[in-house]
Amino acid sequence: MVFIRSPLKAAPDLGKFLALLEEYAPRVEYRSGCSAYLELPGEWGRGDDPLDKIVRLGRELAELGIPAALGLGSSKFMARAAAELSGAGEALRVLPQGEGDLLRGLTVERWPGLRRKTVSRLFRLGIRRVGDLAAVDPSWVKRAWGKPGLALREQARGFDPRPVIRRIPATDISDLLPPPRLFPPQTKSDKLTVLKQLAAFLRRRHGPRAAVRPNPRSGRL
């Protein structure tokens, strides 16, 4: 799995950026700006070193005007952690035999995707390294943070079963759903955004009563 981390808030040419990623991987999970996860195709493990390929991907991104750090690992966590430890224009691969050392040495400030509030709380509990959380009793973690805390503990133990979900922003302009939009919508927020845009379109085309909330008393829209 590969994670692309870039400081850019938007791609100079989003269409070319996405087309390039899909040349390298059958499944692209777009995050935001110029960041994304790529699922490695099976043939990447044959012949050429996968690291050589992501180094080449990094060069092609640079040619598009996109400075990016790339990480390669066995899971989303490992790939993103590797990218966090890389600089712009660099690529880092975490081998399976090195994952334990990375977990034990990675400071919680570099924990991929962790909010500052959570980092501060871990510090107050004396947890300085990602691997430190693996030693904490799971029942205590569940009481303190619930299921999200248990998921973090599993990451600290080296387990991250999250798959790459194909998720790319549409680049074409439509009078039905103006960009930016994400398909398929994954979160509740995405779905509400799509529904609001559909409702606005229907009102513009067919009048204000074309899309209104149902009235439970009348049974009509």
Protein backbone atom coordinates (compact mmCIF):
# COMPACT_ATOMS: atom_id res chain seq x y z
CA MET A 1 0.00 0.00 0.00
CA VAL A 2 1.20 3.53 -0.80
CA PHE A 3 0.38 6.87 0.80
CA ILE A 4 1.09 10.15 -0.99
CA ARG A 5 1.52 13.17 1.27
CA SER A 6 1.77 16.63 -0.22
CA PRO A 7 1.60 20.11 1.35
CA LEU A 8 -0.46 21.40 -1.59
CA LYS A 9 -4.10 22.17 -0.80
CA ALA A 10 -5.11 21.58 -4.43
CA ALA A 11 -3.54 19.98 -7.48
CA PRO A 12 -2.45 22.30 -10.32
CA ASP A 13 -4.35 19.93 -12.65
CA LEU A 14 -6.59 17.52 -10.73
CA GLY A 15 -7.46 15.50 -13.83
CA LYS A 16 -3.81 14.77 -14.67
CA PHE A 17 -3.05 14.03 -11.01
CA LEU A 18 -5.79 11.40 -10.79
CA ALA A 19 -4.98 9.93 -14.21
CA LEU A 20 -1.36 9.46 -13.15
CA LEU A 21 -2.34 7.70 -9.93
CA GLU A 22 -4.67 5.34 -11.75
CA GLU A 23 -1.83 4.39 -14.10
CA TYR A 24 0.02 3.02 -11.08
CA ALA A 25 -2.79 1.42 -9.06
CA PRO A 26 -6.20 -0.15 -9.76
CA ARG A 27 -7.71 1.48 -6.68
CA VAL A 28 -7.16 5.08 -5.55
CA GLU A 29 -8.56 6.50 -2.30
CA TYR A 30 -8.37 10.27 -2.68
CA ARG A 31 -8.10 12.12 0.61
CA SER A 32 -7.75 15.87 0.02
CA GLY A 33 -5.45 18.30 -1.76
CA CYS A 34 -2.81 16.05 -3.30
CA SER A 35 -2.94 13.22 -0.78
CA ALA A 36 -4.16 9.70 -1.52
CA TYR A 37 -3.82 6.01 -0.76
CA LEU A 38 -2.99 3.57 -3.55
CA GLU A 39 -3.63 -0.15 -3.45
CA LEU A 40 -0.68 -2.01 -4.90
CA PRO A 41 -1.47 -4.35 -7.80
CA GLY A 42 -0.29 -7.94 -7.41
CA GLU A 43 2.30 -7.67 -10.17
CA TRP A 44 4.18 -4.97 -8.22
CA GLY A 45 5.75 -7.70 -6.15
CA ARG A 46 7.25 -9.41 -9.19
CA GLY A 47 10.39 -8.35 -10.93
CA ASP A 48 10.93 -4.67 -10.15
CA ASP A 49 11.34 -3.40 -6.62
CA PRO A 50 8.10 -1.62 -5.58
CA LEU A 51 10.20 1.16 -4.07
CA ASP A 52 11.69 1.89 -7.51
CA LYS A 53 8.18 2.33 -8.87
CA ILE A 54 7.04 4.78 -6.22
CA VAL A 55 10.27 6.73 -6.65
CA ARG A 56 9.35 7.00 -10.31
CA LEU A 57 5.82 8.04 -9.33
CA GLY A 58 7.32 10.76 -7.13
CA ARG A 59 9.33 12.10 -10.07
CA GLU A 60 6.24 12.18 -12.28
CA LEU A 61 4.30 14.01 -9.58
CA ALA A 62 7.11 16.57 -9.38
CA GLU A 63 6.84 17.09 -13.14
CA LEU A 64 3.16 17.97 -12.59
CA GLY A 65 4.24 20.58 -10.03
CA ILE A 66 3.25 18.43 -7.04
CA PRO A 67 5.91 18.01 -4.33
CA ALA A 68 5.10 14.81 -2.46
CA ALA A 69 6.50 12.42 0.11
CA LEU A 70 5.60 8.80 -0.54
CA GLY A 71 5.39 5.91 1.90
CA LEU A 72 5.13 2.20 1.14
CA GLY A 73 3.98 -0.33 3.73
CA SER A 74 1.83 -3.36 4.39
CA SER A 75 -1.14 -1.33 5.68
CA LYS A 76 -2.60 2.18 5.63
CA PHE A 77 -0.93 2.95 8.95
CA MET A 78 2.49 1.75 7.83
CA ALA A 79 2.29 3.52 4.47
CA ARG A 80 1.23 6.80 6.02
CA ALA A 81 3.82 6.54 8.81
CA ALA A 82 6.51 5.99 6.16
CA ALA A 83 5.31 9.07 4.28
CA GLU A 84 5.35 11.12 7.51
CA LEU A 85 9.01 10.21 7.92
CA SER A 86 9.84 11.20 4.33
CA GLY A 87 10.52 14.64 2.94
CA ALA A 88 9.15 16.15 -0.26
CA GLY A 89 10.53 14.27 -3.24
CA GLU A 90 11.49 11.28 -1.08
CA ALA A 91 10.08 7.78 -0.77
CA LEU A 92 10.38 5.36 2.14
CA ARG A 93 9.44 1.70 2.34
CA VAL A 94 8.77 -0.05 5.66
CA LEU A 95 9.62 -3.73 5.30
CA PRO A 96 7.58 -6.24 7.35
CA GLN A 97 10.62 -7.09 9.48
CA GLY A 98 11.06 -3.40 10.34
CA GLU A 99 7.48 -2.67 11.40
CA GLY A 100 8.09 -3.52 15.06
CA ASP A 101 11.04 -1.15 15.27
CA LEU A 102 9.03 1.62 13.63
CA LEU A 103 6.17 1.22 16.12
CA ARG A 104 8.53 1.24 19.08
CA GLY A 105 10.41 4.29 17.85
CA LEU A 106 7.69 6.46 16.27
CA THR A 107 6.72 9.35 18.54
CA VAL A 108 3.00 9.94 19.02
CA GLU A 109 3.39 13.40 17.42
CA ARG A 110 4.10 11.56 14.17
CA TRP A 111 1.13 9.19 14.59
CA PRO A 112 -0.62 9.39 11.21
CA GLY A 113 -3.88 11.30 11.36
CA LEU A 114 -3.91 11.74 15.14
CA ARG A 115 -5.43 14.96 16.45
CA ARG A 116 -3.39 17.26 18.68
CA LYS A 117 -5.90 16.84 21.50
CA THR A 118 -5.37 13.08 21.47
CA VAL A 119 -1.60 13.51 21.29
CA SER A 120 -1.69 15.77 24.36
CA ARG A 121 -3.80 13.23 26.23
CA LEU A 122 -1.37 10.43 25.39
CA PHE A 123 1.48 12.58 26.66
CA ARG A 124 -0.31 13.17 29.96
CA LEU A 125 -0.64 9.41 30.35
CA GLY A 126 3.07 8.94 29.79
CA ILE A 127 2.68 7.43 26.33
CA ARG A 128 5.44 8.94 24.20
CA ARG A 129 5.85 6.32 21.48
CA VAL A 130 3.23 4.61 19.34
CA GLY A 131 4.34 1.20 20.56
CA ASP A 132 3.81 2.24 24.20
CA LEU A 133 0.03 2.05 23.73
CA ALA A 134 0.29 -1.61 22.76
CA ALA A 135 1.35 -2.43 26.33
CA VAL A 136 -1.70 -0.75 27.90
CA ASP A 137 -4.49 -3.06 29.08
CA PRO A 138 -7.24 -3.13 26.41
CA SER A 139 -10.06 -2.96 28.97
CA TRP A 140 -8.65 0.33 30.28
CA VAL A 141 -8.29 1.69 26.74
CA LYS A 142 -11.92 0.77 26.00
CA ARG A 143 -13.15 2.52 29.15
CA ALA A 144 -11.13 5.64 28.38
CA TRP A 145 -11.70 5.96 24.62
CA GLY A 146 -14.18 3.32 23.55
CA LYS A 147 -13.88 1.60 20.16
CA PRO A 148 -11.73 4.37 18.60
CA GLY A 149 -9.19 3.80 21.37
CA LEU A 150 -9.14 0.07 20.72
CA ALA A 151 -8.57 0.76 17.02
CA LEU A 152 -5.58 2.95 17.95
CA ARG A 153 -4.23 0.21 20.19
CA GLU A 154 -4.50 -2.27 17.33
CA GLN A 155 -2.51 0.12 15.13
CA ALA A 156 0.09 0.38 17.89
CA ARG A 157 0.34 -3.43 17.81
CA GLY A 158 0.85 -3.37 14.04
CA PHE A 159 -2.68 -4.36 12.97
CA ASP A 160 -4.59 -2.14 10.56
CA PRO A 161 -7.17 -4.02 8.44
CA ARG A 162 -8.61 -0.91 6.76
CA PRO A 163 -8.82 -1.46 2.99
CA VAL A 164 -8.28 1.10 0.26
CA ILE A 165 -11.72 2.25 -0.87
CA ARG A 166 -11.97 3.64 -4.39
CA ARG A 167 -12.74 7.29 -3.83
CA ILE A 168 -11.88 10.00 -6.33
CA PRO A 169 -13.26 13.51 -6.84
CA ALA A 170 -15.21 14.02 -10.04
CA THR A 171 -13.40 16.46 -12.33
CA ASP A 172 -16.12 17.12 -14.87
CA ILE A 173 -18.59 19.98 -14.43
CA SER A 174 -22.27 19.09 -14.22
CA ASP A 175 -25.32 21.31 -13.85
CA LEU A 176 -26.74 18.64 -11.56
CA LEU A 177 -23.93 18.40 -9.02
CA PRO A 178 -21.36 21.19 -9.29
CA PRO A 179 -17.82 20.31 -8.17
CA PRO A 180 -16.21 19.56 -5.84
CA ARG A 181 -17.94 16.26 -5.10
CA LEU A 182 -16.87 12.77 -4.08
CA PHE A 183 -18.27 9.55 -5.46
CA PRO A 184 -19.30 7.29 -3.99
CA PRO A 185 -20.17 9.40 -0.92
CA GLN A 186 -18.83 7.59 2.14
CA THR A 187 -19.58 9.72 5.18
CA LYS A 188 -22.85 11.16 6.40
CA SER A 189 -21.50 14.63 5.59
CA ASP A 190 -20.77 13.61 1.98
CA LYS A 191 -24.25 12.15 1.58
CA LEU A 192 -25.93 15.26 3.02
CA THR A 193 -23.89 17.46 0.67
CA VAL A 194 -25.02 15.42 -2.34
CA LEU A 195 -28.68 15.51 -1.20
CA LYS A 196 -28.55 19.28 -0.67
CA GLN A 197 -27.12 19.80 -4.14
CA LEU A 198 -29.81 17.58 -5.67
CA ALA A 199 -32.53 19.46 -3.81
CA ALA A 200 -31.15 22.83 -4.97
CA PHE A 201 -31.06 21.60 -8.57
CA LEU A 202 -34.67 20.38 -8.43
CA ARG A 203 -35.85 23.68 -6.96
CA ARG A 204 -34.07 25.68 -9.67
CA ARG A 205 -35.55 23.58 -12.45
CA HIS A 206 -39.05 22.82 -11.16
CA GLY A 207 -39.81 25.47 -8.56
CA PRO A 208 -39.44 25.83 -4.80
CA ARG A 209 -41.85 22.97 -4.00
CA ALA A 210 -39.99 20.45 -6.11
CA ALA A 211 -37.84 19.46 -3.14
CA VAL A 212 -39.27 20.04 0.33
CA ARG A 213 -39.31 18.06 3.52
CA PRO A 214 -42.22 15.59 3.86
CA ASN A 215 -45.12 16.62 6.06
CA PRO A 216 -45.86 13.66 8.36
CA ARG A 217 -49.43 14.90 8.96
CA SER A 218 -50.46 15.19 5.35
CA GLY A 219 -48.41 12.27 4.06
CA ARG A 220 -47.40 14.45 1.07
CA LEU A 221 -44.09 15.93 0.03
